[in-house]
Amino acid sequence: FKIWDSFLYEGPKVIFRFALALFKYKEEEILKLQDSTSIFKYLRSFTRTVLDARKLMGIAFRDLNPFPLRQIRNRRAFHLEKVRLELLELEAMREDFLRERGTDLEKRDLISEDEEDG
């Protein structure tokens, strides 16, 4: 209930604060995970293992202080740009793959036609 009380008092920023506190709470375990599949699998259920509400509140309001909205916006913009660049790179790789695949399919079709003529 303390999370809801905080939310009603401070607004939506608190939800973000608690989300970060959850990650901080389980930071050591998360950092041990080696690949994205295991990370996603862990993230689906890790909140069930957060049993100490006082510790979570302490992380959220003591360890993550100060928590200015301006800093959040700056970090969000910085990381959003990094994600956009990664997506552009992935899209370029996908287009290269599809282009190569198309060329390979065309070659395969040409070989088939030559075999039929021969």
PDB file of N, CA and C in Angstrom:
ATOM      1  N   PHE A   1       0.810  -1.193   0.000  1.00  0.00           N
ATOM      2  CA  PHE A   1       0.000   0.000   0.000  1.00  0.00           C
ATOM      3  C   PHE A   1       0.855   1.258   0.000  1.00  0.00           C
ATOM      4  N   LYS A   2       2.047   1.156   0.502  1.00  0.00           N
ATOM      5  CA  LYS A   2       2.895   2.340   0.572  1.00  0.00           C
ATOM      6  C   LYS A   2       3.243   2.861  -0.817  1.00  0.00           C
ATOM      7  N   ILE A   3       3.341   1.961  -1.777  1.00  0.00           N
ATOM      8  CA  ILE A   3       3.621   2.392  -3.150  1.00  0.00           C
ATOM      9  C   ILE A   3       2.460   3.234  -3.655  1.00  0.00           C
ATOM     10  N   TRP A   4       1.239   2.787  -3.420  1.00  0.00           N
ATOM     11  CA  TRP A   4       0.067   3.546  -3.869  1.00  0.00           C
ATOM     12  C   TRP A   4      -0.028   4.883  -3.147  1.00  0.00           C
ATOM     13  N   ASP A   5       0.273   4.885  -1.852  1.00  0.00           N
ATOM     14  CA  ASP A   5       0.268   6.152  -1.113  1.00  0.00           C
ATOM     15  C   ASP A   5       1.271   7.119  -1.730  1.00  0.00           C
ATOM     16  N   SER A   6       2.455   6.610  -2.042  1.00  0.00           N
ATOM     17  CA  SER A   6       3.488   7.441  -2.652  1.00  0.00           C
ATOM     18  C   SER A   6       3.042   7.947  -4.018  1.00  0.00           C
ATOM     19  N   PHE A   7       2.413   7.054  -4.792  1.00  0.00           N
ATOM     20  CA  PHE A   7       1.930   7.426  -6.118  1.00  0.00           C
ATOM     21  C   PHE A   7       0.896   8.542  -6.024  1.00  0.00           C
ATOM     22  N   LEU A   8      -0.039   8.401  -5.101  1.00  0.00           N
ATOM     23  CA  LEU A   8      -1.076   9.414  -4.961  1.00  0.00           C
ATOM     24  C   LEU A   8      -0.507  10.743  -4.469  1.00  0.00           C
ATOM     25  N   TYR A   9       0.559  10.683  -3.689  1.00  0.00           N
ATOM     26  CA  TYR A   9       1.166  11.903  -3.166  1.00  0.00           C
ATOM     27  C   TYR A   9       2.087  12.575  -4.189  1.00  0.00           C
ATOM     28  N   GLU A  10       2.947  11.782  -4.874  1.00  0.00           N
ATOM     29  CA  GLU A  10       3.969  12.358  -5.748  1.00  0.00           C
ATOM     30  C   GLU A  10       3.653  12.258  -7.236  1.00  0.00           C
ATOM     31  N   GLY A  11       2.748  11.392  -7.621  1.00  0.00           N
ATOM     32  CA  GLY A  11       2.396  11.264  -9.027  1.00  0.00           C
ATOM     33  C   GLY A  11       3.126  10.124  -9.716  1.00  0.00           C
ATOM     34  N   PRO A  12       3.040  10.086 -11.063  1.00  0.00           N
ATOM     35  CA  PRO A  12       3.556   8.949 -11.838  1.00  0.00           C
ATOM     36  C   PRO A  12       5.067   8.741 -11.737  1.00  0.00           C
ATOM     37  N   LYS A  13       5.789   9.753 -11.340  1.00  0.00           N
ATOM     38  CA  LYS A  13       7.235   9.609 -11.185  1.00  0.00           C
ATOM     39  C   LYS A  13       7.571   8.478 -10.209  1.00  0.00           C
ATOM     40  N   VAL A  14       6.706   8.255  -9.232  1.00  0.00           N
ATOM     41  CA  VAL A  14       6.937   7.224  -8.217  1.00  0.00           C
ATOM     42  C   VAL A  14       6.920   5.825  -8.837  1.00  0.00           C
ATOM     43  N   ILE A  15       6.067   5.613  -9.820  1.00  0.00           N
ATOM     44  CA  ILE A  15       6.020   4.302 -10.480  1.00  0.00           C
ATOM     45  C   ILE A  15       7.377   4.011 -11.112  1.00  0.00           C
ATOM     46  N   PHE A  16       7.946   4.997 -11.779  1.00  0.00           N
ATOM     47  CA  PHE A  16       9.271   4.842 -12.380  1.00  0.00           C
ATOM     48  C   PHE A  16      10.319   4.603 -11.293  1.00  0.00           C
ATOM     49  N   ARG A  17      10.220   5.333 -10.204  1.00  0.00           N
ATOM     50  CA  ARG A  17      11.153   5.178  -9.080  1.00  0.00           C
ATOM     51  C   ARG A  17      11.111   3.741  -8.551  1.00  0.00           C
ATOM     52  N   PHE A  18       9.913   3.194  -8.366  1.00  0.00           N
ATOM     53  CA  PHE A  18       9.795   1.835  -7.852  1.00  0.00           C
ATOM     54  C   PHE A  18      10.242   0.800  -8.879  1.00  0.00           C
ATOM     55  N   ALA A  19      10.021   1.067 -10.141  1.00  0.00           N
ATOM     56  CA  ALA A  19      10.506   0.153 -11.175  1.00  0.00           C
ATOM     57  C   ALA A  19      12.028   0.068 -11.105  1.00  0.00           C
ATOM     58  N   LEU A  20      12.677   1.212 -10.996  1.00  0.00           N
ATOM     59  CA  LEU A  20      14.139   1.213 -10.865  1.00  0.00           C
ATOM     60  C   LEU A  20      14.572   0.558  -9.558  1.00  0.00           C
ATOM     61  N   ALA A  21      13.821   0.783  -8.495  1.00  0.00           N
ATOM     62  CA  ALA A  21      14.144   0.173  -7.199  1.00  0.00           C
ATOM     63  C   ALA A  21      14.058  -1.354  -7.289  1.00  0.00           C
ATOM     64  N   LEU A  22      13.080  -1.858  -8.040  1.00  0.00           N
ATOM     65  CA  LEU A  22      12.985  -3.310  -8.220  1.00  0.00           C
ATOM     66  C   LEU A  22      14.238  -3.857  -8.903  1.00  0.00           C
ATOM     67  N   PHE A  23      14.700  -3.159  -9.939  1.00  0.00           N
ATOM     68  CA  PHE A  23      15.921  -3.600 -10.624  1.00  0.00           C
ATOM     69  C   PHE A  23      17.127  -3.521  -9.687  1.00  0.00           C
ATOM     70  N   LYS A  24      17.199  -2.457  -8.910  1.00  0.00           N
ATOM     71  CA  LYS A  24      18.301  -2.305  -7.966  1.00  0.00           C
ATOM     72  C   LYS A  24      18.244  -3.397  -6.892  1.00  0.00           C
ATOM     73  N   TYR A  25      17.059  -3.730  -6.447  1.00  0.00           N
ATOM     74  CA  TYR A  25      16.839  -4.759  -5.430  1.00  0.00           C
ATOM     75  C   TYR A  25      17.433  -6.094  -5.891  1.00  0.00           C
ATOM     76  N   LYS A  26      17.267  -6.412  -7.150  1.00  0.00           N
ATOM     77  CA  LYS A  26      17.726  -7.693  -7.698  1.00  0.00           C
ATOM     78  C   LYS A  26      18.929  -7.533  -8.636  1.00  0.00           C
ATOM     79  N   GLU A  27      19.638  -6.439  -8.508  1.00  0.00           N
ATOM     80  CA  GLU A  27      20.741  -6.123  -9.415  1.00  0.00           C
ATOM     81  C   GLU A  27      21.777  -7.237  -9.536  1.00  0.00           C
ATOM     82  N   GLU A  28      22.209  -7.777  -8.420  1.00  0.00           N
ATOM     83  CA  GLU A  28      23.250  -8.823  -8.464  1.00  0.00           C
ATOM     84  C   GLU A  28      22.786 -10.037  -9.264  1.00  0.00           C
ATOM     85  N   GLU A  29      21.558 -10.455  -9.047  1.00  0.00           N
ATOM     86  CA  GLU A  29      21.033 -11.619  -9.762  1.00  0.00           C
ATOM     87  C   GLU A  29      20.871 -11.319 -11.252  1.00  0.00           C
ATOM     88  N   ILE A  30      20.399 -10.130 -11.572  1.00  0.00           N
ATOM     89  CA  ILE A  30      20.206  -9.756 -12.978  1.00  0.00           C
ATOM     90  C   ILE A  30      21.543  -9.714 -13.707  1.00  0.00           C
ATOM     91  N   LEU A  31      22.565  -9.183 -13.059  1.00  0.00           N
ATOM     92  CA  LEU A  31      23.880  -9.071 -13.699  1.00  0.00           C
ATOM     93  C   LEU A  31      24.542 -10.421 -13.934  1.00  0.00           C
ATOM     94  N   LYS A  32      24.116 -11.441 -13.232  1.00  0.00           N
ATOM     95  CA  LYS A  32      24.667 -12.782 -13.435  1.00  0.00           C
ATOM     96  C   LYS A  32      24.121 -13.448 -14.702  1.00  0.00           C
ATOM     97  N   LEU A  33      23.000 -12.959 -15.198  1.00  0.00           N
ATOM     98  CA  LEU A  33      22.383 -13.556 -16.379  1.00  0.00           C
ATOM     99  C   LEU A  33      23.192 -13.213 -17.618  1.00  0.00           C
ATOM    100  N   GLN A  34      23.353 -14.192 -18.504  1.00  0.00           N
ATOM    101  CA  GLN A  34      24.291 -14.049 -19.610  1.00  0.00           C
ATOM    102  C   GLN A  34      23.674 -13.697 -20.955  1.00  0.00           C
ATOM    103  N   ASP A  35      22.406 -14.025 -21.164  1.00  0.00           N
ATOM    104  CA  ASP A  35      21.834 -13.781 -22.486  1.00  0.00           C
ATOM    105  C   ASP A  35      20.436 -13.199 -22.341  1.00  0.00           C
ATOM    106  N   SER A  36      19.932 -12.632 -23.435  1.00  0.00           N
ATOM    107  CA  SER A  36      18.644 -11.946 -23.384  1.00  0.00           C
ATOM    108  C   SER A  36      17.495 -12.894 -23.052  1.00  0.00           C
ATOM    109  N   THR A  37      17.571 -14.123 -23.491  1.00  0.00           N
ATOM    110  CA  THR A  37      16.498 -15.076 -23.196  1.00  0.00           C
ATOM    111  C   THR A  37      16.376 -15.304 -21.695  1.00  0.00           C
ATOM    112  N   SER A  38      17.491 -15.531 -21.037  1.00  0.00           N
ATOM    113  CA  SER A  38      17.436 -15.761 -19.587  1.00  0.00           C
ATOM    114  C   SER A  38      17.030 -14.486 -18.847  1.00  0.00           C
ATOM    115  N   ILE A  39      17.422 -13.330 -19.355  1.00  0.00           N
ATOM    116  CA  ILE A  39      17.021 -12.062 -18.731  1.00  0.00           C
ATOM    117  C   ILE A  39      15.510 -11.888 -18.832  1.00  0.00           C
ATOM    118  N   PHE A  40      14.949 -12.088 -20.033  1.00  0.00           N
ATOM    119  CA  PHE A  40      13.506 -11.940 -20.206  1.00  0.00           C
ATOM    120  C   PHE A  40      12.735 -12.936 -19.342  1.00  0.00           C
ATOM    121  N   LYS A  41      13.234 -14.149 -19.290  1.00  0.00           N
ATOM    122  CA  LYS A  41      12.579 -15.177 -18.474  1.00  0.00           C
ATOM    123  C   LYS A  41      12.601 -14.774 -17.001  1.00  0.00           C
ATOM    124  N   TYR A  42      13.727 -14.271 -16.538  1.00  0.00           N
ATOM    125  CA  TYR A  42      13.861 -13.837 -15.144  1.00  0.00           C
ATOM    126  C   TYR A  42      12.946 -12.646 -14.857  1.00  0.00           C
ATOM    127  N   LEU A  43      12.910 -11.684 -15.761  1.00  0.00           N
ATOM    128  CA  LEU A  43      12.118 -10.481 -15.539  1.00  0.00           C
ATOM    129  C   LEU A  43      10.622 -10.765 -15.466  1.00  0.00           C
ATOM    130  N   ARG A  44      10.179 -11.835 -16.098  1.00  0.00           N
ATOM    131  CA  ARG A  44       8.758 -12.180 -16.041  1.00  0.00           C
ATOM    132  C   ARG A  44       8.304 -12.563 -14.641  1.00  0.00           C
ATOM    133  N   SER A  45       9.224 -13.066 -13.829  1.00  0.00           N
ATOM    134  CA  SER A  45       8.786 -13.586 -12.534  1.00  0.00           C
ATOM    135  C   SER A  45       9.554 -13.037 -11.331  1.00  0.00           C
ATOM    136  N   PHE A  46      10.533 -12.181 -11.547  1.00  0.00           N
ATOM    137  CA  PHE A  46      11.391 -11.801 -10.424  1.00  0.00           C
ATOM    138  C   PHE A  46      10.673 -10.989  -9.355  1.00  0.00           C
ATOM    139  N   THR A  47       9.589 -10.301  -9.707  1.00  0.00           N
ATOM    140  CA  THR A  47       8.897  -9.496  -8.694  1.00  0.00           C
ATOM    141  C   THR A  47       8.258 -10.363  -7.611  1.00  0.00           C
ATOM    142  N   ARG A  48       8.011 -11.625  -7.914  1.00  0.00           N
ATOM    143  CA  ARG A  48       7.435 -12.533  -6.913  1.00  0.00           C
ATOM    144  C   ARG A  48       8.426 -12.841  -5.789  1.00  0.00           C
ATOM    145  N   THR A  49       9.708 -12.591  -6.053  1.00  0.00           N
ATOM    146  CA  THR A  49      10.730 -12.897  -5.049  1.00  0.00           C
ATOM    147  C   THR A  49      11.105 -11.675  -4.214  1.00  0.00           C
ATOM    148  N   VAL A  50      10.485 -10.535  -4.482  1.00  0.00           N
ATOM    149  CA  VAL A  50      10.741  -9.329  -3.694  1.00  0.00           C
ATOM    150  C   VAL A  50       9.804  -9.378  -2.492  1.00  0.00           C
ATOM    151  N   LEU A  51      10.357  -9.751  -1.360  1.00  0.00           N
ATOM    152  CA  LEU A  51       9.529  -9.990  -0.179  1.00  0.00           C
ATOM    153  C   LEU A  51       9.688  -8.925   0.904  1.00  0.00           C
ATOM    154  N   ASP A  52      10.747  -8.147   0.826  1.00  0.00           N
ATOM    155  CA  ASP A  52      11.022  -7.161   1.869  1.00  0.00           C
ATOM    156  C   ASP A  52      10.596  -5.769   1.406  1.00  0.00           C
ATOM    157  N   ALA A  53       9.373  -5.376   1.777  1.00  0.00           N
ATOM    158  CA  ALA A  53       8.827  -4.088   1.352  1.00  0.00           C
ATOM    159  C   ALA A  53       9.632  -2.922   1.919  1.00  0.00           C
ATOM    160  N   ARG A  54      10.134  -3.080   3.141  1.00  0.00           N
ATOM    161  CA  ARG A  54      10.933  -1.991   3.744  1.00  0.00           C
ATOM    162  C   ARG A  54      12.224  -1.764   2.956  1.00  0.00           C
ATOM    163  N   LYS A  55      12.842  -2.855   2.554  1.00  0.00           N
ATOM    164  CA  LYS A  55      14.072  -2.734   1.768  1.00  0.00           C
ATOM    165  C   LYS A  55      13.771  -2.050   0.437  1.00  0.00           C
ATOM    166  N   LEU A  56      12.677  -2.436  -0.219  1.00  0.00           N
ATOM    167  CA  LEU A  56      12.295  -1.819  -1.492  1.00  0.00           C
ATOM    168  C   LEU A  56      12.024  -0.332  -1.308  1.00  0.00           C
ATOM    169  N   MET A  57      11.300   0.031  -0.257  1.00  0.00           N
ATOM    170  CA  MET A  57      11.038   1.445   0.029  1.00  0.00           C
ATOM    171  C   MET A  57      12.344   2.192   0.293  1.00  0.00           C
ATOM    172  N   GLY A  58      13.257   1.551   1.019  1.00  0.00           N
ATOM    173  CA  GLY A  58      14.545   2.185   1.294  1.00  0.00           C
ATOM    174  C   GLY A  58      15.324   2.451   0.019  1.00  0.00           C
ATOM    175  N   ILE A  59      15.329   1.484  -0.868  1.00  0.00           N
ATOM    176  CA  ILE A  59      16.021   1.665  -2.148  1.00  0.00           C
ATOM    177  C   ILE A  59      15.361   2.794  -2.937  1.00  0.00           C
ATOM    178  N   ALA A  60      14.039   2.768  -2.985  1.00  0.00           N
ATOM    179  CA  ALA A  60      13.305   3.745  -3.783  1.00  0.00           C
ATOM    180  C   ALA A  60      13.492   5.171  -3.276  1.00  0.00           C
ATOM    181  N   PHE A  61      13.498   5.361  -1.963  1.00  0.00           N
ATOM    182  CA  PHE A  61      13.507   6.726  -1.437  1.00  0.00           C
ATOM    183  C   PHE A  61      14.810   7.151  -0.773  1.00  0.00           C
ATOM    184  N   ARG A  62      15.673   6.218  -0.456  1.00  0.00           N
ATOM    185  CA  ARG A  62      16.942   6.594   0.144  1.00  0.00           C
ATOM    186  C   ARG A  62      18.063   6.452  -0.891  1.00  0.00           C
ATOM    187  N   ASP A  63      18.182   5.266  -1.474  1.00  0.00           N
ATOM    188  CA  ASP A  63      19.282   4.997  -2.403  1.00  0.00           C
ATOM    189  C   ASP A  63      19.137   5.739  -3.729  1.00  0.00           C
ATOM    190  N   LEU A  64      17.915   5.945  -4.170  1.00  0.00           N
ATOM    191  CA  LEU A  64      17.693   6.614  -5.460  1.00  0.00           C
ATOM    192  C   LEU A  64      17.404   8.104  -5.307  1.00  0.00           C
ATOM    193  N   ASN A  65      17.805   8.689  -4.207  1.00  0.00           N
ATOM    194  CA  ASN A  65      17.607  10.126  -4.014  1.00  0.00           C
ATOM    195  C   ASN A  65      18.877  10.875  -4.329  1.00  0.00           C
ATOM    196  N   PRO A  66      18.818  12.038  -4.871  1.00  0.00           N
ATOM    197  CA  PRO A  66      17.640  12.727  -5.392  1.00  0.00           C
ATOM    198  C   PRO A  66      17.171  12.072  -6.693  1.00  0.00           C
ATOM    199  N   PHE A  67      15.955  12.384  -7.069  1.00  0.00           N
ATOM    200  CA  PHE A  67      15.348  11.758  -8.243  1.00  0.00           C
ATOM    201  C   PHE A  67      14.623  12.830  -9.073  1.00  0.00           C
ATOM    202  N   PRO A  68      15.376  13.780  -9.599  1.00  0.00           N
ATOM    203  CA  PRO A  68      14.739  14.884 -10.325  1.00  0.00           C
ATOM    204  C   PRO A  68      14.197  14.445 -11.690  1.00  0.00           C
ATOM    205  N   LEU A  69      13.035  14.949 -12.021  1.00  0.00           N
ATOM    206  CA  LEU A  69      12.387  14.618 -13.285  1.00  0.00           C
ATOM    207  C   LEU A  69      13.236  15.051 -14.475  1.00  0.00           C
ATOM    208  N   ARG A  70      13.956  16.130 -14.348  1.00  0.00           N
ATOM    209  CA  ARG A  70      14.830  16.598 -15.432  1.00  0.00           C
ATOM    210  C   ARG A  70      15.904  15.556 -15.752  1.00  0.00           C
ATOM    211  N   GLN A  71      16.480  14.974 -14.713  1.00  0.00           N
ATOM    212  CA  GLN A  71      17.496  13.941 -14.908  1.00  0.00           C
ATOM    213  C   GLN A  71      16.906  12.716 -15.609  1.00  0.00           C
ATOM    214  N   ILE A  72      15.698  12.357 -15.228  1.00  0.00           N
ATOM    215  CA  ILE A  72      15.023  11.222 -15.868  1.00  0.00           C
ATOM    216  C   ILE A  72      14.826  11.508 -17.350  1.00  0.00           C
ATOM    217  N   ARG A  73      14.348  12.707 -17.671  1.00  0.00           N
ATOM    218  CA  ARG A  73      14.124  13.069 -19.079  1.00  0.00           C
ATOM    219  C   ARG A  73      15.426  13.063 -19.869  1.00  0.00           C
ATOM    220  N   ASN A  74      16.496  13.574 -19.274  1.00  0.00           N
ATOM    221  CA  ASN A  74      17.796  13.586 -19.952  1.00  0.00           C
ATOM    222  C   ASN A  74      18.296  12.172 -20.218  1.00  0.00           C
ATOM    223  N   ARG A  75      18.195  11.324 -19.233  1.00  0.00           N
ATOM    224  CA  ARG A  75      18.639   9.936 -19.408  1.00  0.00           C
ATOM    225  C   ARG A  75      17.772   9.206 -20.423  1.00  0.00           C
ATOM    226  N   ARG A  76      16.480   9.449 -20.377  1.00  0.00           N
ATOM    227  CA  ARG A  76      15.568   8.827 -21.330  1.00  0.00           C
ATOM    228  C   ARG A  76      15.927   9.249 -22.757  1.00  0.00           C
ATOM    229  N   ALA A  77      16.177  10.535 -22.964  1.00  0.00           N
ATOM    230  CA  ALA A  77      16.540  11.036 -24.298  1.00  0.00           C
ATOM    231  C   ALA A  77      17.856  10.422 -24.763  1.00  0.00           C
ATOM    232  N   PHE A  78      18.832  10.349 -23.874  1.00  0.00           N
ATOM    233  CA  PHE A  78      20.134   9.772 -24.216  1.00  0.00           C
ATOM    234  C   PHE A  78      19.988   8.319 -24.655  1.00  0.00           C
ATOM    235  N   HIS A  79      19.292   7.535 -23.856  1.00  0.00           N
ATOM    236  CA  HIS A  79      19.152   6.113 -24.161  1.00  0.00           C
ATOM    237  C   HIS A  79      18.214   5.864 -25.325  1.00  0.00           C
ATOM    238  N   LEU A  80      17.223   6.720 -25.495  1.00  0.00           N
ATOM    239  CA  LEU A  80      16.331   6.593 -26.638  1.00  0.00           C
ATOM    240  C   LEU A  80      17.110   6.768 -27.937  1.00  0.00           C
ATOM    241  N   GLU A  81      18.030   7.708 -27.948  1.00  0.00           N
ATOM    242  CA  GLU A  81      18.861   7.914 -29.140  1.00  0.00           C
ATOM    243  C   GLU A  81      19.739   6.689 -29.399  1.00  0.00           C
ATOM    244  N   LYS A  82      20.290   6.099 -28.353  1.00  0.00           N
ATOM    245  CA  LYS A  82      21.089   4.885 -28.523  1.00  0.00           C
ATOM    246  C   LYS A  82      20.253   3.749 -29.095  1.00  0.00           C
ATOM    247  N   VAL A  83      19.036   3.603 -28.599  1.00  0.00           N
ATOM    248  CA  VAL A  83      18.148   2.544 -29.093  1.00  0.00           C
ATOM    249  C   VAL A  83      17.790   2.804 -30.552  1.00  0.00           C
ATOM    250  N   ARG A  84      17.516   4.053 -30.897  1.00  0.00           N
ATOM    251  CA  ARG A  84      17.201   4.380 -32.297  1.00  0.00           C
ATOM    252  C   ARG A  84      18.357   4.031 -33.231  1.00  0.00           C
ATOM    253  N   LEU A  85      19.576   4.348 -32.806  1.00  0.00           N
ATOM    254  CA  LEU A  85      20.743   4.020 -33.627  1.00  0.00           C
ATOM    255  C   LEU A  85      20.899   2.508 -33.781  1.00  0.00           C
ATOM    256  N   GLU A  86      20.680   1.775 -32.705  1.00  0.00           N
ATOM    257  CA  GLU A  86      20.751   0.313 -32.780  1.00  0.00           C
ATOM    258  C   GLU A  86      19.684  -0.236 -33.727  1.00  0.00           C
ATOM    259  N   LEU A  87      18.488   0.329 -33.663  1.00  0.00           N
ATOM    260  CA  LEU A  87      17.415  -0.125 -34.550  1.00  0.00           C
ATOM    261  C   LEU A  87      17.738   0.166 -36.014  1.00  0.00           C
ATOM    262  N   LEU A  88      18.338   1.322 -36.280  1.00  0.00           N
ATOM    263  CA  LEU A  88      18.748   1.637 -37.652  1.00  0.00           C
ATOM    264  C   LEU A  88      19.793   0.643 -38.145  1.00  0.00           C
ATOM    265  N   GLU A  89      20.729   0.313 -37.274  1.00  0.00           N
ATOM    266  CA  GLU A  89      21.771  -0.659 -37.622  1.00  0.00           C
ATOM    267  C   GLU A  89      21.160  -2.038 -37.891  1.00  0.00           C
ATOM    268  N   LEU A  90      20.235  -2.445 -37.042  1.00  0.00           N
ATOM    269  CA  LEU A  90      19.564  -3.734 -37.240  1.00  0.00           C
ATOM    270  C   LEU A  90      18.753  -3.740 -38.535  1.00  0.00           C
ATOM    271  N   GLU A  91      18.106  -2.638 -38.836  1.00  0.00           N
ATOM    272  CA  GLU A  91      17.329  -2.551 -40.070  1.00  0.00           C
ATOM    273  C   GLU A  91      18.238  -2.655 -41.292  1.00  0.00           C
ATOM    274  N   ALA A  92      19.403  -2.016 -41.229  1.00  0.00           N
ATOM    275  CA  ALA A  92      20.361  -2.111 -42.330  1.00  0.00           C
ATOM    276  C   ALA A  92      20.847  -3.550 -42.498  1.00  0.00           C
ATOM    277  N   MET A  93      21.101  -4.228 -41.393  1.00  0.00           N
ATOM    278  CA  MET A  93      21.524  -5.627 -41.454  1.00  0.00           C
ATOM    279  C   MET A  93      20.417  -6.500 -42.051  1.00  0.00           C
ATOM    280  N   ARG A  94      19.176  -6.232 -41.665  1.00  0.00           N
ATOM    281  CA  ARG A  94      18.049  -6.994 -42.183  1.00  0.00           C
ATOM    282  C   ARG A  94      17.904  -6.786 -43.693  1.00  0.00           C
ATOM    283  N   GLU A  95      18.055  -5.536 -44.129  1.00  0.00           N
ATOM    284  CA  GLU A  95      17.947  -5.249 -45.560  1.00  0.00           C
ATOM    285  C   GLU A  95      19.071  -5.932 -46.338  1.00  0.00           C
ATOM    286  N   ASP A  96      20.293  -5.923 -45.789  1.00  0.00           N
ATOM    287  CA  ASP A  96      21.414  -6.623 -46.433  1.00  0.00           C
ATOM    288  C   ASP A  96      21.119  -8.114 -46.543  1.00  0.00           C
ATOM    289  N   PHE A  97      20.605  -8.677 -45.464  1.00  0.00           N
ATOM    290  CA  PHE A  97      20.277 -10.102 -45.460  1.00  0.00           C
ATOM    291  C   PHE A  97      19.232 -10.427 -46.524  1.00  0.00           C
ATOM    292  N   LEU A  98      18.171  -9.619 -46.555  1.00  0.00           N
ATOM    293  CA  LEU A  98      17.112  -9.869 -47.535  1.00  0.00           C
ATOM    294  C   LEU A  98      17.617  -9.691 -48.962  1.00  0.00           C
ATOM    295  N   ARG A  99      18.487  -8.705 -49.169  1.00  0.00           N
ATOM    296  CA  ARG A  99      19.059  -8.486 -50.497  1.00  0.00           C
ATOM    297  C   ARG A  99      19.908  -9.686 -50.909  1.00  0.00           C
ATOM    298  N   GLU A 100      20.752 -10.175 -50.012  1.00  0.00           N
ATOM    299  CA  GLU A 100      21.582 -11.352 -50.304  1.00  0.00           C
ATOM    300  C   GLU A 100      20.714 -12.580 -50.536  1.00  0.00           C
ATOM    301  N   ARG A 101      19.707 -12.724 -49.737  1.00  0.00           N
ATOM    302  CA  ARG A 101      18.808 -13.867 -49.870  1.00  0.00           C
ATOM    303  C   ARG A 101      18.100 -13.828 -51.228  1.00  0.00           C
ATOM    304  N   GLY A 102      17.675 -12.636 -51.635  1.00  0.00           N
ATOM    305  CA  GLY A 102      17.034 -12.487 -52.935  1.00  0.00           C
ATOM    306  C   GLY A 102      17.972 -12.842 -54.063  1.00  0.00           C
ATOM    307  N   THR A 103      19.233 -12.425 -53.954  1.00  0.00           N
ATOM    308  CA  THR A 103      20.238 -12.753 -54.969  1.00  0.00           C
ATOM    309  C   THR A 103      20.474 -14.250 -55.018  1.00  0.00           C
ATOM    310  N   ASP A 104      20.551 -14.886 -53.847  1.00  0.00           N
ATOM    311  CA  ASP A 104      20.741 -16.338 -53.800  1.00  0.00           C
ATOM    312  C   ASP A 104      19.558 -17.067 -54.430  1.00  0.00           C
ATOM    313  N   LEU A 105      18.354 -16.594 -54.177  1.00  0.00           N
ATOM    314  CA  LEU A 105      17.171 -17.226 -54.765  1.00  0.00           C
ATOM    315  C   LEU A 105      17.161 -17.067 -56.285  1.00  0.00           C
ATOM    316  N   GLU A 106      17.571 -15.893 -56.755  1.00  0.00           N
ATOM    317  CA  GLU A 106      17.637 -15.668 -58.200  1.00  0.00           C
ATOM    318  C   GLU A 106      18.655 -16.609 -58.836  1.00  0.00           C
ATOM    319  N   LYS A 107      19.815 -16.783 -58.210  1.00  0.00           N
ATOM    320  CA  LYS A 107      20.841 -17.687 -58.730  1.00  0.00           C
ATOM    321  C   LYS A 107      20.314 -19.115 -58.765  1.00  0.00           C
ATOM    322  N   ARG A 108      19.608 -19.504 -57.708  1.00  0.00           N
ATOM    323  CA  ARG A 108      19.064 -20.843 -57.641  1.00  0.00           C
ATOM    324  C   ARG A 108      18.042 -21.060 -58.770  1.00  0.00           C
ATOM    325  N   ASP A 109      17.224 -20.053 -59.051  1.00  0.00           N
ATOM    326  CA  ASP A 109      16.249 -20.140 -60.143  1.00  0.00           C
ATOM    327  C   ASP A 109      16.953 -20.254 -61.486  1.00  0.00           C
ATOM    328  N   LEU A 110      18.054 -19.488 -61.668  1.00  0.00           N
ATOM    329  CA  LEU A 110      18.800 -19.548 -62.919  1.00  0.00           C
ATOM    330  C   LEU A 110      19.420 -20.921 -63.126  1.00  0.00           C
ATOM    331  N   ILE A 111      19.944 -21.485 -62.077  1.00  0.00           N
ATOM    332  CA  ILE A 111      20.547 -22.812 -62.162  1.00  0.00           C
ATOM    333  C   ILE A 111      19.478 -23.832 -62.538  1.00  0.00           C
ATOM    334  N   SER A 112      18.302 -23.725 -61.932  1.00  0.00           N
ATOM    335  CA  SER A 112      17.217 -24.656 -62.236  1.00  0.00           C
ATOM    336  C   SER A 112      16.815 -24.561 -63.702  1.00  0.00           C
ATOM    337  N   GLU A 113      16.721 -23.350 -64.233  1.00  0.00           N
ATOM    338  CA  GLU A 113      16.343 -23.169 -65.630  1.00  0.00           C
ATOM    339  C   GLU A 113      17.407 -23.744 -66.561  1.00  0.00           C
ATOM    340  N   ASP A 114      18.692 -23.548 -66.208  1.00  0.00           N
ATOM    341  CA  ASP A 114      19.779 -24.086 -67.027  1.00  0.00           C
ATOM    342  C   ASP A 114      19.737 -25.607 -67.042  1.00  0.00           C
ATOM    343  N   GLU A 115      19.444 -26.222 -65.896  1.00  0.00           N
ATOM    344  CA  GLU A 115      19.372 -27.673 -65.821  1.00  0.00           C
ATOM    345  C   GLU A 115      18.223 -28.204 -66.670  1.00  0.00           C
ATOM    346  N   GLU A 116      17.122 -27.463 -66.699  1.00  0.00           N
ATOM    347  CA  GLU A 116      15.969 -27.890 -67.504  1.00  0.00           C
ATOM    348  C   GLU A 116      16.291 -27.823 -68.993  1.00  0.00           C
ATOM    349  N   ASP A 117      17.076 -26.793 -69.407  1.00  0.00           N
ATOM    350  CA  ASP A 117      17.429 -26.623 -70.809  1.00  0.00           C
ATOM    351  C   ASP A 117      18.457 -27.660 -71.257  1.00  0.00           C
ATOM    352  N   GLY A 118      19.315 -28.078 -70.351  1.00  0.00           N
ATOM    353  CA  GLY A 118      20.450 -28.923 -70.671  1.00  0.00           C
ATOM    354  C   GLY A 118      20.096 -30.306 -70.947  1.00  0.00           C
TER     355      GLY A 118
END
